[in-house]
């Protein structure tokens, strides 16, 4: 039973056996076939603009028809499949779609890849979430203790994930997850990955998860701690032991599942995510990134110090860490430990991982960043992509030109600035783009 008292089928990794389609579902299957034939016939008779639109409908219908054998093999019944796609149309307003003839997709809409670091890591917002998080820590103290004991992930980090993802359950994504995943699998930049997620979303429907609950982000993440469909099967945990892992309505189930995901991705119990530091004058932000990994002891020997006169705990001195400056020289810098990388496995963004880590620290009693964030404006895809391409053309270590700022892009910018006698700020700006050209 879930919180509302409604009985559900337990989420397990055992595939359900497909059932025989009834007359209604057979009709829906025939309708899909007819739609494909109609769309293809119409496309030959319409003017160019109308033909493109009709072809889009026909192509989507063809995509759905070709998806069925794969869904059937995964244990999805014809009834569930037909009901999922009945009347469904792609949502072309989503980001990260790639249409025929396009070289680059529409920019990803995630705040981690669009907003300025100072905006994303707003002190006002973090303070407010920190206060709420302390209340949640008290409210769910018993459950959080049990989750800590089982998975070895501290309660503050678990709450940090919940706070970042859905503001402690206050925010519900607006999109129908099936429509989002179908669109991304049909014409998204990462279509193959989303195809698998779509199949798993259909499996969730087959297991009894109501479609109305499956409200997702633009990428299809769902529930209080925002799991992709595949993650429901890999990491879900039935905390209450009632036979149903409810990541939509049960706070303990959602938090336990988040903790299990962090553990499964390599969480080290008893350690933090990182330390805010001051870079010595003999060094700069171009040392950033995993390639520059050293032990904390080695960083300290180079003159790297914690902010506020604090010292590094004895137990971390031999731990490997890398320099991480999410705003280049325009904000705080950190020595990131293994658990920072685990946060990034949850969401591959340095800003996201820094947000979750700082929020966890605040809930645990910590405070603001010691170094202020400077307002350097939003992230500009065209400039970032141009800088990445320019660096790649000059032989710097850029393998992917995607318009997203990560530690490697900042590192390579810093190395270019060093070599060419420019101010080393490790940020892809118009000035850097001009210098590259």
Protein backbone atom coordinates (compact mmCIF):
# COMPACT_ATOMS: atom_id res chain seq x y z
CA UNK A 1 0.00 0.00 0.00
CA UNK A 2 1.20 3.51 -0.70
CA UNK A 3 0.53 6.69 1.27
CA UNK A 4 -2.91 7.12 -0.30
CA UNK A 5 -3.94 3.57 0.54
CA UNK A 6 -4.03 2.41 -3.08
CA UNK A 7 -2.57 -0.99 -3.79
CA UNK A 8 0.15 -1.20 -6.43
CA UNK A 9 2.23 -3.89 -8.04
CA UNK A 10 5.70 -4.07 -6.51
CA UNK A 11 8.48 -2.66 -8.66
CA UNK A 12 10.78 -5.58 -9.32
CA UNK A 13 13.28 -6.45 -12.02
CA UNK A 14 11.17 -9.42 -13.13
CA UNK A 15 9.54 -8.69 -16.47
CA UNK A 16 5.80 -9.09 -16.71
CA UNK A 17 4.43 -11.56 -19.26
CA UNK A 18 2.69 -9.74 -22.16
CA UNK A 19 -1.05 -10.24 -22.23
CA UNK A 20 -3.18 -10.93 -25.30
CA UNK A 21 -4.52 -7.69 -26.78
CA UNK A 22 -8.26 -7.22 -26.66
CA UNK A 23 -10.29 -5.91 -29.57
CA UNK A 24 -9.78 -2.29 -28.52
CA UNK A 25 -6.03 -2.65 -28.41
CA UNK A 26 -5.94 -4.49 -31.72
CA UNK A 27 -7.81 -1.58 -33.21
CA UNK A 28 -5.28 0.85 -31.82
CA UNK A 29 -2.47 -1.20 -33.32
CA UNK A 30 -4.19 -1.18 -36.70
CA UNK A 31 -4.74 2.57 -36.38
CA UNK A 32 -1.00 3.12 -35.94
CA UNK A 33 -0.34 1.13 -39.12
CA UNK A 34 -2.97 3.06 -41.06
CA UNK A 35 -1.54 6.37 -39.83
CA UNK A 36 1.86 5.42 -41.20
CA UNK A 37 0.41 4.47 -44.58
CA UNK A 38 -1.74 7.60 -44.73
CA UNK A 39 1.16 9.87 -43.84
CA UNK A 40 3.42 8.33 -46.45
CA UNK A 41 0.76 8.57 -49.14
CA UNK A 42 -0.06 12.17 -48.32
CA UNK A 43 3.60 13.18 -48.30
CA UNK A 44 3.89 12.40 -52.01
CA UNK A 45 0.95 14.61 -52.93
CA UNK A 46 1.46 17.73 -50.80
CA UNK A 47 3.52 20.92 -51.40
CA UNK A 48 6.98 21.01 -49.81
CA UNK A 49 6.04 22.72 -46.52
CA UNK A 50 2.93 20.59 -45.91
CA UNK A 51 4.82 17.47 -47.01
CA UNK A 52 7.46 18.07 -44.33
CA UNK A 53 4.77 18.34 -41.67
CA UNK A 54 2.94 15.21 -42.83
CA UNK A 55 6.20 13.31 -43.11
CA UNK A 56 6.96 14.24 -39.52
CA UNK A 57 3.70 12.63 -38.39
CA UNK A 58 4.31 9.59 -40.56
CA UNK A 59 7.88 9.28 -39.33
CA UNK A 60 6.78 9.38 -35.71
CA UNK A 61 4.15 6.75 -36.36
CA UNK A 62 6.80 4.61 -38.00
CA UNK A 63 9.06 5.14 -34.99
CA UNK A 64 6.30 3.98 -32.64
CA UNK A 65 5.51 0.93 -34.78
CA UNK A 66 9.17 -0.11 -34.86
CA UNK A 67 9.43 0.36 -31.09
CA UNK A 68 6.78 -2.26 -30.33
CA UNK A 69 8.90 -5.44 -30.72
CA UNK A 70 11.51 -3.98 -28.39
CA UNK A 71 8.87 -3.04 -25.82
CA UNK A 72 7.28 -6.47 -26.11
CA UNK A 73 10.63 -8.15 -25.45
CA UNK A 74 10.98 -6.01 -22.32
CA UNK A 75 7.68 -7.34 -20.97
CA UNK A 76 5.35 -4.52 -22.02
CA UNK A 77 1.88 -5.71 -23.02
CA UNK A 78 0.17 -4.55 -26.21
CA UNK A 79 -2.54 -2.96 -24.06
CA UNK A 80 -0.05 -0.84 -22.12
CA UNK A 81 1.85 0.06 -25.29
CA UNK A 82 -1.19 1.14 -27.27
CA UNK A 83 -2.64 3.17 -24.42
CA UNK A 84 0.69 4.93 -23.90
CA UNK A 85 0.86 6.12 -27.52
CA UNK A 86 -2.82 6.67 -28.29
CA UNK A 87 -3.11 10.25 -29.61
CA UNK A 88 0.47 11.06 -28.60
CA UNK A 89 2.34 13.73 -30.58
CA UNK A 90 5.98 14.77 -30.17
CA UNK A 91 6.69 17.90 -28.15
CA UNK A 92 8.96 19.92 -30.41
CA UNK A 93 9.29 22.72 -27.85
CA UNK A 94 11.74 20.59 -25.82
CA UNK A 95 15.45 21.44 -25.79
CA UNK A 96 18.24 19.18 -27.05
CA UNK A 97 16.34 18.03 -30.16
CA UNK A 98 18.14 17.52 -33.44
CA UNK A 99 16.09 17.82 -36.61
CA UNK A 100 17.13 16.72 -40.13
CA UNK A 101 19.55 19.25 -41.61
CA UNK A 102 20.58 20.68 -38.23
CA UNK A 103 24.20 20.52 -37.12
CA UNK A 104 23.57 21.46 -33.51
CA UNK A 105 20.52 20.95 -31.27
CA UNK A 106 18.53 23.60 -29.48
CA UNK A 107 20.40 24.47 -26.27
CA UNK A 108 19.75 22.29 -23.28
CA UNK A 109 17.34 24.06 -20.96
CA UNK A 110 18.93 22.97 -17.69
CA UNK A 111 19.82 25.87 -15.44
CA UNK A 112 23.21 24.22 -14.80
CA UNK A 113 24.16 24.92 -18.43
CA UNK A 114 22.50 28.28 -19.02
CA UNK A 115 22.55 30.48 -15.93
CA UNK A 116 25.46 32.38 -14.45
CA UNK A 117 27.18 30.54 -11.57
CA UNK A 118 26.33 33.43 -9.24
CA UNK A 119 22.66 33.06 -10.19
CA UNK A 120 22.51 29.27 -10.03
CA UNK A 121 24.32 29.23 -6.67
CA UNK A 122 22.25 32.07 -5.26
CA UNK A 123 23.12 32.62 -1.61
CA UNK A 124 19.58 33.76 -0.85
CA UNK A 125 18.07 30.60 -2.33
CA UNK A 126 20.60 28.32 -0.67
CA UNK A 127 19.95 29.94 2.71
CA UNK A 128 16.22 29.42 2.31
CA UNK A 129 16.63 25.79 1.27
CA UNK A 130 19.11 25.25 4.09
CA UNK A 131 16.56 26.43 6.64
CA UNK A 132 13.88 24.17 5.16
CA UNK A 133 16.34 21.30 5.03
CA UNK A 134 17.06 21.59 8.75
CA UNK A 135 13.35 21.25 9.39
CA UNK A 136 13.19 18.16 7.17
CA UNK A 137 16.20 16.70 8.97
CA UNK A 138 14.30 16.98 12.25
CA UNK A 139 11.00 15.75 10.81
CA UNK A 140 12.50 12.62 9.25
CA UNK A 141 15.31 12.06 11.76
CA UNK A 142 14.36 8.44 12.48
CA UNK A 143 14.05 7.46 8.83
CA UNK A 144 17.25 9.28 7.88
CA UNK A 145 19.17 7.51 10.62
CA UNK A 146 17.98 4.15 9.28
CA UNK A 147 18.94 5.15 5.73
CA UNK A 148 22.40 6.26 6.90
CA UNK A 149 22.92 2.96 8.69
CA UNK A 150 21.87 0.92 5.65
CA UNK A 151 23.63 2.76 2.82
CA UNK A 152 26.42 4.73 4.50
CA UNK A 153 25.35 8.04 2.94
CA UNK A 154 24.99 10.92 5.39
CA UNK A 155 21.56 12.46 5.85
CA UNK A 156 22.71 15.93 4.86
CA UNK A 157 23.82 14.84 1.39
CA UNK A 158 20.56 12.95 0.86
CA UNK A 159 18.59 16.04 1.85
CA UNK A 160 20.83 18.14 -0.42
CA UNK A 161 19.74 16.01 -3.39
CA UNK A 162 16.06 16.30 -2.44
CA UNK A 163 16.32 20.06 -1.95
CA UNK A 164 18.06 20.66 -5.28
CA UNK A 165 15.84 18.37 -7.30
CA UNK A 166 12.32 19.32 -6.18
CA UNK A 167 12.73 21.84 -3.37
CA UNK A 168 11.88 19.13 -0.82
CA UNK A 169 8.88 17.91 -2.79
CA UNK A 170 7.31 21.32 -3.37
CA UNK A 171 8.00 21.30 -7.10
CA UNK A 172 6.43 18.87 -9.56
CA UNK A 173 7.75 18.85 -13.14
CA UNK A 174 5.15 19.79 -15.75
CA UNK A 175 5.83 17.38 -18.60
CA UNK A 176 4.17 14.05 -19.36
CA UNK A 177 7.19 11.75 -19.11
CA UNK A 178 6.05 9.38 -21.87
CA UNK A 179 5.68 12.25 -24.34
CA UNK A 180 9.06 13.72 -23.36
CA UNK A 181 10.91 10.43 -23.66
CA UNK A 182 9.17 9.53 -26.93
CA UNK A 183 10.15 12.90 -28.41
CA UNK A 184 13.75 12.64 -27.26
CA UNK A 185 14.00 9.05 -28.50
CA UNK A 186 12.48 10.06 -31.84
CA UNK A 187 14.56 13.14 -32.67
CA UNK A 188 16.77 14.01 -29.69
CA UNK A 189 20.53 14.50 -29.73
CA UNK A 190 20.89 11.39 -27.55
CA UNK A 191 18.12 9.36 -29.17
CA UNK A 192 19.58 5.92 -28.44
CA UNK A 193 19.94 6.63 -24.72
CA UNK A 194 16.39 7.97 -24.53
CA UNK A 195 15.04 4.99 -26.45
CA UNK A 196 16.12 2.77 -23.57
CA UNK A 197 14.63 5.19 -21.04
CA UNK A 198 11.33 5.17 -22.97
CA UNK A 199 11.20 1.38 -22.84
CA UNK A 200 11.81 1.50 -19.08
CA UNK A 201 9.07 4.13 -18.69
CA UNK A 202 6.68 1.77 -20.46
CA UNK A 203 7.80 -0.96 -18.06
CA UNK A 204 6.86 1.33 -15.17
CA UNK A 205 3.39 1.68 -16.63
CA UNK A 206 3.22 -2.10 -16.98
CA UNK A 207 4.18 -2.47 -13.31
CA UNK A 208 1.23 -0.32 -12.30
CA UNK A 209 2.68 3.17 -11.90
CA UNK A 210 -0.14 5.57 -12.85
CA UNK A 211 0.54 7.71 -15.92
CA UNK A 212 -0.73 10.80 -14.11
CA UNK A 213 2.07 10.45 -11.56
CA UNK A 214 4.73 10.32 -14.23
CA UNK A 215 5.34 14.05 -14.55
CA UNK A 216 8.90 14.63 -15.62
CA UNK A 217 11.55 17.15 -16.51
CA UNK A 218 12.37 17.97 -20.14
CA UNK A 219 14.59 14.86 -20.03
CA UNK A 220 12.03 12.59 -18.34
CA UNK A 221 13.36 12.51 -14.75
CA UNK A 222 10.55 11.84 -12.27
CA UNK A 223 9.69 11.66 -8.60
CA UNK A 224 10.76 13.62 -5.53
CA UNK A 225 14.45 12.90 -6.13
CA UNK A 226 14.21 12.94 -9.95
CA UNK A 227 15.05 9.47 -11.20
CA UNK A 228 15.27 8.57 -14.86
CA UNK A 229 13.10 5.49 -15.61
CA UNK A 230 16.11 3.15 -15.76
CA UNK A 231 17.13 4.35 -12.30
CA UNK A 232 13.79 3.27 -10.84
CA UNK A 233 14.78 -0.30 -11.67
CA UNK A 234 18.45 0.02 -10.68
CA UNK A 235 18.24 1.98 -7.44
CA UNK A 236 14.68 2.06 -6.03
CA UNK A 237 14.30 0.99 -2.42
CA UNK A 238 11.13 0.06 -0.57
CA UNK A 239 11.93 1.67 2.79
CA UNK A 240 8.61 0.81 4.43
CA UNK A 241 8.66 -2.80 3.25
CA UNK A 242 5.07 -2.53 2.07
CA UNK A 243 5.80 -4.10 -1.30
CA UNK A 244 5.91 -0.87 -3.28
CA UNK A 245 8.77 1.60 -3.76
CA UNK A 246 6.88 4.87 -4.21
CA UNK A 247 9.28 7.61 -5.29
CA UNK A 248 6.41 9.99 -5.99
CA UNK A 249 4.58 10.18 -2.65
CA UNK A 250 6.72 8.43 -0.02
CA UNK A 251 9.50 10.63 1.35
CA UNK A 252 11.32 7.69 3.02
CA UNK A 253 11.20 5.62 -0.18
CA UNK A 254 12.47 8.56 -2.26
CA UNK A 255 15.30 9.41 0.16
CA UNK A 256 16.35 5.79 0.60
CA UNK A 257 16.40 5.34 -3.18
CA UNK A 258 18.55 8.45 -3.59
CA UNK A 259 20.95 7.13 -0.96
CA UNK A 260 21.08 3.75 -2.68
CA UNK A 261 21.86 5.44 -6.00
CA UNK A 262 24.72 7.41 -4.43
CA UNK A 263 26.08 4.25 -2.80
CA UNK A 264 25.83 2.31 -6.06
CA UNK A 265 27.77 5.05 -7.83
CA UNK A 266 30.71 4.90 -5.43
CA UNK A 267 29.92 6.97 -2.33
CA UNK A 268 32.62 6.89 0.34
CA UNK A 269 31.03 6.83 3.82
CA UNK A 270 32.44 9.20 6.39
CA UNK A 271 33.86 11.73 3.93
CA UNK A 272 32.64 15.06 2.64
CA UNK A 273 32.42 16.23 -0.98
CA UNK A 274 35.15 18.88 -0.91
CA UNK A 275 36.70 21.94 0.70
CA UNK A 276 36.60 25.59 -0.31
CA UNK A 277 40.20 26.77 -0.72
CA UNK A 278 42.37 29.74 -1.61
CA UNK A 279 44.65 29.30 -4.63
CA UNK A 280 48.15 30.59 -3.86
CA UNK A 281 49.71 33.34 -5.96
CA UNK A 282 52.19 30.84 -7.38
CA UNK A 283 49.35 28.92 -9.04
CA UNK A 284 46.06 29.58 -10.83
CA UNK A 285 42.77 28.04 -11.96
CA UNK A 286 44.41 26.34 -14.96
CA UNK A 287 45.36 23.53 -12.57
CA UNK A 288 41.69 22.54 -12.52
CA UNK A 289 40.24 19.17 -13.33
CA UNK A 290 40.81 15.44 -12.78
CA UNK A 291 44.08 15.45 -14.80
CA UNK A 292 45.61 17.54 -12.01
CA UNK A 293 44.56 15.20 -9.20
CA UNK A 294 46.87 15.17 -6.17
CA UNK A 295 46.46 14.17 -2.55
CA UNK A 296 45.24 16.84 -0.15
CA UNK A 297 48.69 16.71 1.46
CA UNK A 298 50.32 17.51 -1.88
CA UNK A 299 47.95 20.41 -2.53
CA UNK A 300 48.75 21.80 0.91
CA UNK A 301 52.48 21.54 0.17
CA UNK A 302 51.88 23.71 -2.93
CA UNK A 303 50.34 26.41 -0.77
CA UNK A 304 46.64 25.61 -1.17
CA UNK A 305 44.81 26.46 2.04
CA UNK A 306 41.26 26.18 3.30
CA UNK A 307 39.37 29.45 3.56
CA UNK A 308 38.84 31.07 6.95
CA UNK A 309 42.07 29.74 8.42
CA UNK A 310 40.62 26.25 8.78
CA UNK A 311 42.81 23.17 8.43
CA UNK A 312 42.23 19.94 6.53
CA UNK A 313 41.15 17.01 8.73
CA UNK A 314 43.92 14.50 9.30
CA UNK A 315 41.93 11.65 7.78
CA UNK A 316 41.70 13.28 4.34
CA UNK A 317 45.37 14.21 3.88
CA UNK A 318 46.12 11.15 1.77
CA UNK A 319 42.87 11.32 -0.17
CA UNK A 320 43.08 12.25 -3.88
CA UNK A 321 41.36 15.48 -4.87
CA UNK A 322 41.29 17.81 -7.85
CA UNK A 323 40.93 21.57 -8.14
CA UNK A 324 37.46 22.68 -9.17
CA UNK A 325 36.61 26.32 -9.99
CA UNK A 326 33.02 26.33 -11.33
CA UNK A 327 33.17 30.05 -12.21
CA UNK A 328 36.83 30.13 -13.19
CA UNK A 329 38.56 32.97 -11.35
CA UNK A 330 35.21 34.68 -10.68
CA UNK A 331 34.10 32.71 -7.66
CA UNK A 332 35.10 30.16 -5.03
CA UNK A 333 37.46 27.29 -5.78
CA UNK A 334 37.41 23.88 -4.16
CA UNK A 335 39.42 20.72 -3.72
CA UNK A 336 36.91 18.11 -4.82
CA UNK A 337 36.98 14.63 -3.29
CA UNK A 338 35.47 11.40 -4.58
CA UNK A 339 31.96 12.18 -3.29
CA UNK A 340 31.87 15.29 -5.47
CA UNK A 341 32.32 12.99 -8.46
CA UNK A 342 29.45 10.85 -7.16
CA UNK A 343 27.19 13.92 -7.05
CA UNK A 344 28.17 14.49 -10.67
CA UNK A 345 27.08 10.95 -11.47
CA UNK A 346 23.63 11.99 -10.26
CA UNK A 347 23.72 15.06 -12.54
CA UNK A 348 26.79 15.70 -14.69
CA UNK A 349 27.29 19.36 -13.81
CA UNK A 350 29.88 21.01 -11.59
CA UNK A 351 27.36 23.69 -10.58
CA UNK A 352 24.82 21.03 -9.60
CA UNK A 353 27.34 19.09 -7.51
CA UNK A 354 28.56 22.29 -5.84
CA UNK A 355 24.98 23.31 -5.06
CA UNK A 356 24.12 19.95 -3.50
CA UNK A 357 27.36 19.88 -1.52
CA UNK A 358 26.93 23.38 -0.15
CA UNK A 359 23.27 22.79 0.66
CA UNK A 360 24.26 19.63 2.55
CA UNK A 361 26.86 21.64 4.47
CA UNK A 362 24.27 24.28 5.36
CA UNK A 363 21.79 21.71 6.63
CA UNK A 364 24.60 20.25 8.75
CA UNK A 365 25.27 23.67 10.27
CA UNK A 366 27.73 25.21 7.79
CA UNK A 367 27.43 28.62 6.23
CA UNK A 368 27.98 30.68 3.13
CA UNK A 369 30.80 30.45 0.64
CA UNK A 370 33.78 32.46 1.92
CA UNK A 371 34.70 33.75 -1.55
CA UNK A 372 31.95 35.77 -3.29
CA UNK A 373 30.53 34.83 -6.69
CA UNK A 374 31.02 37.58 -9.27
CA UNK A 375 28.27 38.29 -11.77
CA UNK A 376 29.72 37.21 -15.12
CA UNK A 377 26.41 36.79 -16.92
CA UNK A 378 24.70 33.70 -18.34
CA UNK A 379 26.54 30.96 -20.18
CA UNK A 380 26.55 31.71 -23.94
CA UNK A 381 26.43 28.56 -26.04
CA UNK A 382 27.77 30.14 -29.25
CA UNK A 383 30.77 31.67 -27.48
CA UNK A 384 31.52 28.51 -25.52
CA UNK A 385 31.30 26.38 -28.65
CA UNK A 386 33.51 28.82 -30.56
CA UNK A 387 36.13 28.78 -27.82
CA UNK A 388 36.05 24.99 -27.65
CA UNK A 389 36.45 24.69 -31.41
CA UNK A 390 39.28 27.22 -31.44
CA UNK A 391 41.11 25.37 -28.67
CA UNK A 392 40.61 22.06 -30.44
CA UNK A 393 41.94 23.50 -33.70
CA UNK A 394 45.09 24.68 -31.87
CA UNK A 395 45.74 21.24 -30.42
CA UNK A 396 44.43 21.77 -26.87
CA UNK A 397 42.74 18.89 -25.08
CA UNK A 398 39.18 19.44 -26.27
CA UNK A 399 37.58 16.30 -27.69
CA UNK A 400 33.92 17.36 -27.70
CA UNK A 401 32.60 20.70 -28.93
CA UNK A 402 29.21 20.89 -27.22
CA UNK A 403 28.78 24.43 -25.88
CA UNK A 404 28.77 23.29 -22.25
CA UNK A 405 31.27 24.56 -19.68
CA UNK A 406 32.97 21.86 -17.66
CA UNK A 407 36.24 21.54 -15.79
CA UNK A 408 38.14 20.50 -18.91
CA UNK A 409 36.96 23.53 -20.90
CA UNK A 410 37.97 25.83 -18.05
CA UNK A 411 41.33 24.08 -17.72
CA UNK A 412 42.12 24.35 -21.43
CA UNK A 413 41.08 28.02 -21.51
CA UNK A 414 43.42 28.66 -18.59
CA UNK A 415 46.31 26.84 -20.26
CA UNK A 416 45.77 28.85 -23.46
CA UNK A 417 45.73 32.08 -21.46
CA UNK A 418 48.94 31.10 -19.67
CA UNK A 419 50.74 30.27 -22.91
CA UNK A 420 49.69 33.49 -24.62
CA UNK A 421 50.33 35.91 -21.78
CA UNK A 422 46.66 36.63 -21.17
CA UNK A 423 44.91 37.13 -17.85
CA UNK A 424 44.26 33.61 -16.53
CA UNK A 425 40.59 33.51 -15.54
CA UNK A 426 39.68 30.09 -17.03
CA UNK A 427 36.39 31.31 -18.48
CA UNK A 428 35.30 31.11 -22.16
CA UNK A 429 34.60 34.76 -23.03
CA UNK A 430 34.46 36.90 -26.17
CA UNK A 431 37.98 38.06 -25.34
CA UNK A 432 39.27 34.49 -25.39
CA UNK A 433 37.37 33.80 -28.62
CA UNK A 434 38.93 36.86 -30.25
CA UNK A 435 42.41 35.79 -29.13
CA UNK A 436 41.87 32.34 -30.59
CA UNK A 437 40.82 33.80 -33.93
